[in-house]
Protein backbone atom coordinates (compact mmCIF):
# COMPACT_ATOMS: atom_id res chain seq x y z
CA MET A 1 65.70 70.76 -56.65
CA ARG A 2 67.56 71.74 -53.47
CA VAL A 3 69.73 68.90 -52.20
CA LEU A 4 71.81 68.69 -49.02
CA VAL A 5 74.84 66.46 -49.53
CA TYR A 6 76.02 64.99 -46.23
CA ASP A 7 79.55 63.69 -45.56
CA ALA A 8 80.83 65.55 -48.61
CA LYS A 9 84.55 65.20 -49.27
CA PRO A 10 86.42 67.33 -51.83
CA TYR A 11 86.12 64.58 -54.44
CA ASP A 12 82.34 64.38 -53.86
CA ARG A 13 82.02 68.11 -54.43
CA GLU A 14 84.05 67.92 -57.64
CA THR A 15 82.41 64.89 -59.21
CA LEU A 16 78.84 65.81 -58.24
CA ALA A 17 79.26 69.38 -59.47
CA THR A 18 80.61 68.08 -62.77
CA ALA A 19 77.76 65.60 -63.20
CA ASN A 20 75.11 68.08 -62.06
CA ARG A 21 75.91 70.72 -64.68
CA GLY A 22 73.82 73.26 -62.76
CA ARG A 23 70.57 71.28 -62.84
CA HIS A 24 70.08 71.02 -59.07
CA GLN A 25 71.01 73.27 -56.16
CA LEU A 26 73.59 71.23 -54.28
CA ARG A 27 74.73 72.28 -50.84
CA PHE A 28 77.65 70.33 -49.40
CA VAL A 29 78.35 69.72 -45.70
CA SER A 30 81.15 67.59 -44.30
CA THR A 31 79.16 66.42 -41.28
CA LEU A 32 77.56 62.98 -41.07
CA LEU A 33 73.80 62.54 -40.98
CA ASP A 34 72.56 61.52 -37.53
CA GLU A 35 69.95 62.51 -34.93
CA GLN A 36 71.64 65.84 -34.24
CA THR A 37 72.51 66.89 -37.79
CA ALA A 38 69.19 66.02 -39.42
CA VAL A 39 68.05 69.57 -38.63
CA LEU A 40 70.47 70.87 -41.27
CA ALA A 41 68.13 69.49 -43.94
CA GLU A 42 65.41 72.02 -43.22
CA GLY A 43 64.30 73.50 -46.53
CA PHE A 44 65.79 70.67 -48.60
CA PRO A 45 63.37 68.20 -50.23
CA ALA A 46 66.27 65.79 -50.86
CA VAL A 47 69.41 64.66 -49.07
CA SER A 48 72.35 62.67 -50.38
CA ILE A 49 74.20 60.36 -47.97
CA PHE A 50 77.12 57.94 -47.90
CA VAL A 51 77.91 54.67 -46.10
CA ASN A 52 78.54 56.05 -42.59
CA ASP A 53 75.55 58.37 -42.50
CA ARG A 54 72.78 57.01 -40.30
CA ALA A 55 69.26 57.05 -41.66
CA THR A 56 67.59 55.32 -38.72
CA ALA A 57 63.85 55.47 -38.06
CA GLU A 58 64.38 58.42 -35.70
CA VAL A 59 66.54 60.29 -38.20
CA LEU A 60 64.11 59.65 -41.04
CA ALA A 61 61.21 60.89 -38.90
CA ARG A 62 63.10 64.13 -38.28
CA LEU A 63 63.88 64.47 -41.98
CA ALA A 64 60.26 63.86 -42.94
CA ALA A 65 59.10 66.51 -40.47
CA LEU A 66 61.45 68.96 -42.17
CA GLY A 67 59.96 68.19 -45.59
CA VAL A 68 62.56 65.77 -46.94
CA ARG A 69 60.98 63.46 -49.50
CA LEU A 70 64.05 61.77 -51.01
CA VAL A 71 67.14 60.09 -49.57
CA THR A 72 69.61 59.20 -52.30
CA LEU A 73 72.62 57.08 -51.42
CA ARG A 74 76.00 57.48 -53.06
CA SER A 75 76.60 53.76 -52.56
CA THR A 76 75.23 50.37 -53.52
CA GLY A 77 74.73 49.11 -49.98
CA PHE A 78 71.78 50.48 -48.02
CA ASN A 79 72.09 48.73 -44.65
CA ASN A 80 72.38 52.16 -42.98
CA VAL A 81 68.82 53.10 -44.01
CA ASP A 82 65.65 51.88 -42.25
CA LEU A 83 63.61 51.12 -45.35
CA ASP A 84 60.48 50.18 -43.39
CA ALA A 85 60.53 53.54 -41.63
CA ALA A 86 61.11 55.33 -44.94
CA ARG A 87 58.10 53.56 -46.44
CA ARG A 88 55.87 54.54 -43.50
CA LEU A 89 57.03 58.14 -43.68
CA GLY A 90 56.59 58.42 -47.45
CA ILE A 91 60.28 59.00 -48.11
CA THR A 92 61.69 57.60 -51.34
CA VAL A 93 65.10 55.94 -51.05
CA MET A 94 67.35 55.56 -54.08
CA ARG A 95 70.86 54.20 -54.40
CA VAL A 96 73.64 53.63 -56.92
CA ALA A 97 72.75 50.08 -57.89
CA ASN A 98 75.72 49.69 -60.20
CA TYR A 99 79.09 51.30 -60.67
CA SER A 100 82.44 50.00 -61.87
CA PRO A 101 82.70 46.45 -60.52
CA TYR A 102 86.31 46.48 -61.64
CA ALA A 103 87.23 49.07 -59.00
CA VAL A 104 86.35 46.82 -56.04
CA ALA A 105 87.31 43.51 -57.66
CA GLU A 106 90.73 44.74 -58.75
CA PHE A 107 91.38 46.20 -55.30
CA ALA A 108 90.46 42.88 -53.70
CA VAL A 109 93.09 41.22 -55.87
CA ALA A 110 95.60 43.93 -54.95
CA LEU A 111 94.99 43.31 -51.24
CA LEU A 112 95.25 39.57 -51.71
CA LEU A 113 98.57 39.77 -53.55
CA ALA A 114 99.96 42.29 -51.08
CA VAL A 115 99.16 40.22 -48.00
CA VAL A 116 100.14 36.87 -49.53
CA ARG A 117 103.47 38.19 -50.84
CA LYS A 118 103.95 40.43 -47.77
CA VAL A 119 104.36 43.54 -49.92
CA HIS A 120 103.24 45.82 -47.08
CA ARG A 121 106.02 44.53 -44.83
CA ALA A 122 108.64 44.61 -47.58
CA TYR A 123 107.77 48.21 -48.41
CA ASN A 124 108.41 49.34 -44.84
CA ARG A 125 111.64 47.33 -44.60
CA VAL A 126 113.16 48.81 -47.73
CA ARG A 127 112.35 52.34 -46.58
CA GLU A 128 114.43 51.59 -43.48
CA GLY A 129 117.32 50.21 -45.53
CA ASN A 130 116.54 46.58 -44.66
CA PHE A 131 116.73 44.39 -47.75
CA ALA A 132 116.73 41.01 -45.98
CA LEU A 133 114.15 38.52 -47.22
CA ASP A 134 113.70 36.63 -43.96
CA GLY A 135 110.02 36.43 -43.06
CA LEU A 136 108.79 37.59 -46.46
CA GLN A 137 108.21 34.21 -48.09
CA GLY A 138 104.81 33.94 -49.72
CA PHE A 139 103.10 31.37 -51.93
CA ASP A 140 101.94 31.05 -55.54
CA LEU A 141 98.28 31.66 -56.25
CA HIS A 142 98.52 29.29 -59.21
CA GLY A 143 96.98 25.93 -58.37
CA ARG A 144 95.29 27.16 -55.19
CA THR A 145 91.57 26.95 -54.45
CA VAL A 146 89.80 30.31 -54.25
CA GLY A 147 86.33 30.55 -52.73
CA VAL A 148 84.18 33.46 -53.89
CA VAL A 149 81.29 34.21 -51.53
CA GLY A 150 78.81 36.17 -53.61
CA THR A 151 79.11 36.04 -57.40
CA GLY A 152 77.27 39.16 -58.49
CA ARG A 153 78.93 41.78 -60.67
CA ILE A 154 81.92 42.37 -58.37
CA GLY A 155 82.37 38.73 -57.37
CA ALA A 156 82.20 37.68 -61.00
CA VAL A 157 84.94 40.13 -62.02
CA PHE A 158 87.07 38.96 -59.08
CA ALA A 159 86.56 35.35 -60.21
CA GLN A 160 87.52 36.26 -63.77
CA ILE A 161 90.78 37.82 -62.58
CA MET A 162 91.51 34.84 -60.34
CA HIS A 163 90.87 32.51 -63.26
CA GLY A 164 93.78 34.18 -65.02
CA PHE A 165 96.06 33.06 -62.19
CA GLY A 166 95.19 29.43 -62.84
CA VAL A 167 93.27 28.75 -59.64
CA ARG A 168 90.45 26.35 -58.87
CA LEU A 169 87.27 28.36 -58.31
CA LEU A 170 84.52 27.56 -55.82
CA GLY A 171 81.43 29.76 -55.52
CA PHE A 172 78.63 30.29 -53.05
CA ASP A 173 75.53 32.21 -54.02
CA GLN A 174 71.77 31.71 -53.95
CA LYS A 175 71.74 32.06 -57.73
CA PRO A 176 74.69 30.69 -59.75
CA ASN A 177 76.19 33.09 -62.27
CA PRO A 178 76.54 31.52 -65.74
CA ALA A 179 79.58 33.73 -66.44
CA CYS A 180 81.32 32.22 -63.41
CA GLU A 181 80.29 28.69 -64.35
CA ALA A 182 81.84 29.30 -67.77
CA LEU A 183 85.15 29.91 -65.98
CA GLY A 184 84.91 26.47 -64.41
CA MET A 185 83.59 27.66 -61.04
CA ARG A 186 81.84 24.97 -59.04
CA TYR A 187 79.01 26.13 -56.79
CA VAL A 188 78.99 24.47 -53.38
CA PRO A 189 77.42 25.07 -49.94
CA LEU A 190 79.20 27.67 -47.83
CA GLU A 191 80.53 25.02 -45.46
CA THR A 192 82.17 23.14 -48.32
CA LEU A 193 83.66 26.33 -49.74
CA LEU A 194 85.19 27.25 -46.39
CA GLU A 195 86.58 23.76 -45.82
CA GLN A 196 88.25 23.49 -49.24
CA SER A 197 89.40 27.04 -50.03
CA ASP A 198 92.92 28.33 -49.53
CA ILE A 199 91.60 31.85 -50.10
CA VAL A 200 88.11 33.17 -49.31
CA SER A 201 86.94 36.52 -50.69
CA LEU A 202 83.65 38.10 -49.59
CA HIS A 203 81.41 39.87 -52.12
CA VAL A 204 77.93 39.86 -50.58
CA PRO A 205 75.81 42.75 -49.26
CA LEU A 206 75.16 43.21 -45.56
CA THR A 207 71.71 41.93 -44.60
CA PRO A 208 70.30 40.32 -41.44
CA HIS A 209 71.18 36.97 -43.05
CA THR A 210 74.81 37.87 -43.80
CA TYR A 211 75.58 39.73 -40.56
CA HIS A 212 78.65 38.01 -39.02
CA LEU A 213 78.60 35.46 -41.81
CA ILE A 214 82.21 34.86 -40.84
CA ASN A 215 82.11 34.02 -37.13
CA ALA A 216 83.74 31.64 -34.66
CA GLN A 217 81.87 28.65 -36.10
CA THR A 218 82.51 29.40 -39.78
CA LEU A 219 86.14 30.34 -39.09
CA ALA A 220 86.63 26.96 -37.42
CA ARG A 221 85.40 25.30 -40.63
CA MET A 222 87.97 27.06 -42.79
CA LYS A 223 91.07 25.25 -43.94
CA ARG A 224 93.85 25.90 -41.44
CA GLY A 225 96.20 28.55 -42.81
CA ALA A 226 93.62 30.02 -45.19
CA VAL A 227 93.54 33.69 -46.25
CA LEU A 228 90.44 35.87 -45.84
CA VAL A 229 89.73 38.97 -47.95
CA ASN A 230 86.82 41.34 -47.29
CA THR A 231 86.11 44.35 -49.52
CA SER A 232 82.34 44.25 -49.07
CA ARG A 233 80.90 45.27 -45.68
CA GLY A 234 82.68 45.17 -42.33
CA ALA A 235 79.89 43.53 -40.36
CA LEU A 236 80.09 40.41 -42.52
CA VAL A 237 82.96 39.47 -40.18
CA ASP A 238 82.88 39.07 -36.40
CA THR A 239 86.12 40.91 -35.67
CA GLU A 240 86.68 39.47 -32.20
CA ALA A 241 86.32 35.95 -33.59
CA LEU A 242 88.67 36.91 -36.42
CA ILE A 243 91.32 37.99 -33.91
CA GLU A 244 91.07 34.64 -32.13
CA ALA A 245 91.48 32.84 -35.45
CA LEU A 246 94.60 34.88 -36.16
CA LYS A 247 96.04 34.22 -32.71
CA SER A 248 95.53 30.46 -33.08
CA GLY A 249 96.98 30.34 -36.60
CA GLN A 250 93.69 29.18 -38.09
CA LEU A 251 94.12 31.99 -40.61
CA SER A 252 97.52 32.72 -42.13
CA ALA A 253 96.61 36.19 -43.40
CA VAL A 254 93.72 38.64 -43.56
CA ALA A 255 93.13 41.60 -45.90
CA LEU A 256 90.34 44.04 -45.03
CA ASP A 257 89.11 47.20 -46.70
CA VAL A 258 86.13 47.42 -44.34
CA TYR A 259 85.56 47.09 -40.60
CA GLU A 260 82.30 46.55 -38.72
CA GLU A 261 82.84 49.58 -36.47
CA GLU A 262 84.44 51.80 -39.10
CA GLU A 263 82.07 54.70 -38.49
CA GLY A 264 84.08 57.32 -36.66
CA LEU A 265 87.34 55.88 -38.00
CA PHE A 266 87.37 55.67 -41.77
CA PHE A 267 87.28 58.60 -44.20
CA ARG A 268 89.07 60.94 -41.79
CA ASP A 269 92.60 61.77 -40.63
CA LEU A 270 93.16 60.47 -37.10
CA SER A 271 96.93 60.29 -37.34
CA SER A 272 97.42 62.69 -34.42
CA GLN A 273 94.88 60.98 -32.17
CA VAL A 274 94.75 57.83 -30.08
CA ILE A 275 92.54 55.12 -31.57
CA ALA A 276 90.01 54.37 -28.83
CA ASP A 277 88.68 51.20 -30.47
CA ASP A 278 90.65 48.46 -28.69
CA VAL A 279 89.45 45.71 -31.04
CA PHE A 280 90.58 47.61 -34.11
CA ALA A 281 93.87 48.55 -32.45
CA ARG A 282 94.52 44.87 -31.66
CA LEU A 283 93.78 43.94 -35.26
CA LEU A 284 96.44 46.35 -36.47
CA THR A 285 99.13 44.67 -34.36
CA PHE A 286 99.19 41.50 -36.48
CA PRO A 287 101.97 41.45 -39.09
CA ASN A 288 99.85 39.21 -41.30
CA VAL A 289 96.88 41.60 -41.40
CA LEU A 290 96.53 44.34 -44.02
CA VAL A 291 93.83 46.96 -43.44
CA THR A 292 92.87 49.83 -45.74
CA GLY A 293 90.26 52.51 -45.10
CA HIS A 294 87.33 51.56 -47.36
CA GLN A 295 89.00 52.69 -50.57
CA ALA A 296 88.20 49.81 -52.91
CA PHE A 297 85.57 51.91 -54.72
CA PHE A 298 87.90 54.89 -55.04
CA THR A 299 88.75 55.18 -58.74
CA HIS A 300 88.11 57.95 -61.25
CA GLU A 301 85.70 55.74 -63.17
CA ALA A 302 83.69 54.64 -60.12
CA LEU A 303 83.40 58.14 -58.66
CA ALA A 304 82.20 59.52 -61.98
CA GLN A 305 79.58 56.78 -62.30
CA ILE A 306 78.40 57.29 -58.71
CA ALA A 307 77.99 61.02 -59.32
CA GLU A 308 76.22 60.57 -62.66
CA THR A 309 73.80 58.04 -61.17
CA THR A 310 73.10 60.23 -58.14
CA ILE A 311 72.21 63.17 -60.38
CA ARG A 312 70.05 60.92 -62.56
CA ASN A 313 68.23 59.75 -59.44
CA LEU A 314 67.51 63.39 -58.57
CA ASP A 315 66.32 64.07 -62.13
CA ASP A 316 63.99 61.07 -62.13
CA PHE A 317 62.57 61.79 -58.69
CA GLU A 318 61.89 65.42 -59.58
CA ALA A 319 60.14 64.26 -62.77
CA GLY A 320 58.04 61.71 -60.87
CA ARG A 321 59.84 58.74 -62.38
CA THR A 322 61.22 55.63 -60.73
CA ASN A 323 64.24 53.70 -61.98
CA GLU A 324 66.26 50.61 -61.16
CA ASN A 325 67.86 52.44 -58.22
CA THR A 326 64.59 53.02 -56.36
CA LEU A 327 64.36 51.09 -53.09
CA VAL A 328 61.20 52.66 -51.66
């Protein structure tokens, strides 16, 4: 089957080619999928997209008119795809339902430790020959209360790692995870979790119900001086409200691997350009904020699993089969 792979980076080309083993005709383009670039899919019954590609109703209509019958995501999240429009147009949507949960969970822990112990600031100081410790004092994780919002596969691994630090675990999820309960996690309403947690880590998908889950009201409920970690989806957090919470001292530190307006910023080199996003630029001015460019998933194991699953989705679709990754 001929497949157009949008937003293809060198590592996508390598891992997908390795997983494909010549079964499908893959054509790679570096451009993002949007209203203007949908025309590139002419002659391709399938397209593969990533998190910043836009599969809106208009885009999907253009793809359908060109003969596209499958949109396969190289991600777990699918908030960038209009599933209702896909259903009306007869386009099947598939995703990577599962890949290494350790990649994201371990990175969340890395961000947490870095921002709490001010590793990012110490690194820059030492490179400048400054070995003073003033301003670098952190705190022990041991004995603290850690709130895990979303206890699916990634949240559960994060909780398991945190358990090793000797923390008290609180969880919020519609369905409690027995593996987390076995660690001693106590499930509580979100308000209680925010009020009692020294550290809050987000591990939920982006849906209409979770959009701006962390906002001015929920930030005000958090324990003063708490730490927020987000490695899930940027729009879970109202960034302008987050900035106000940082300015007031309501939050002592924030670690983000995602940003709600990251499209146009992340996954590209803008080091020689001026960042036009004033909200993002303001966020970067805080010494107690650590931001990375959506790299939590970026391990050898995760990339290999994403590629293998994407190729399996293509195999199953071509054979007329559905699998656990089928959304429409």
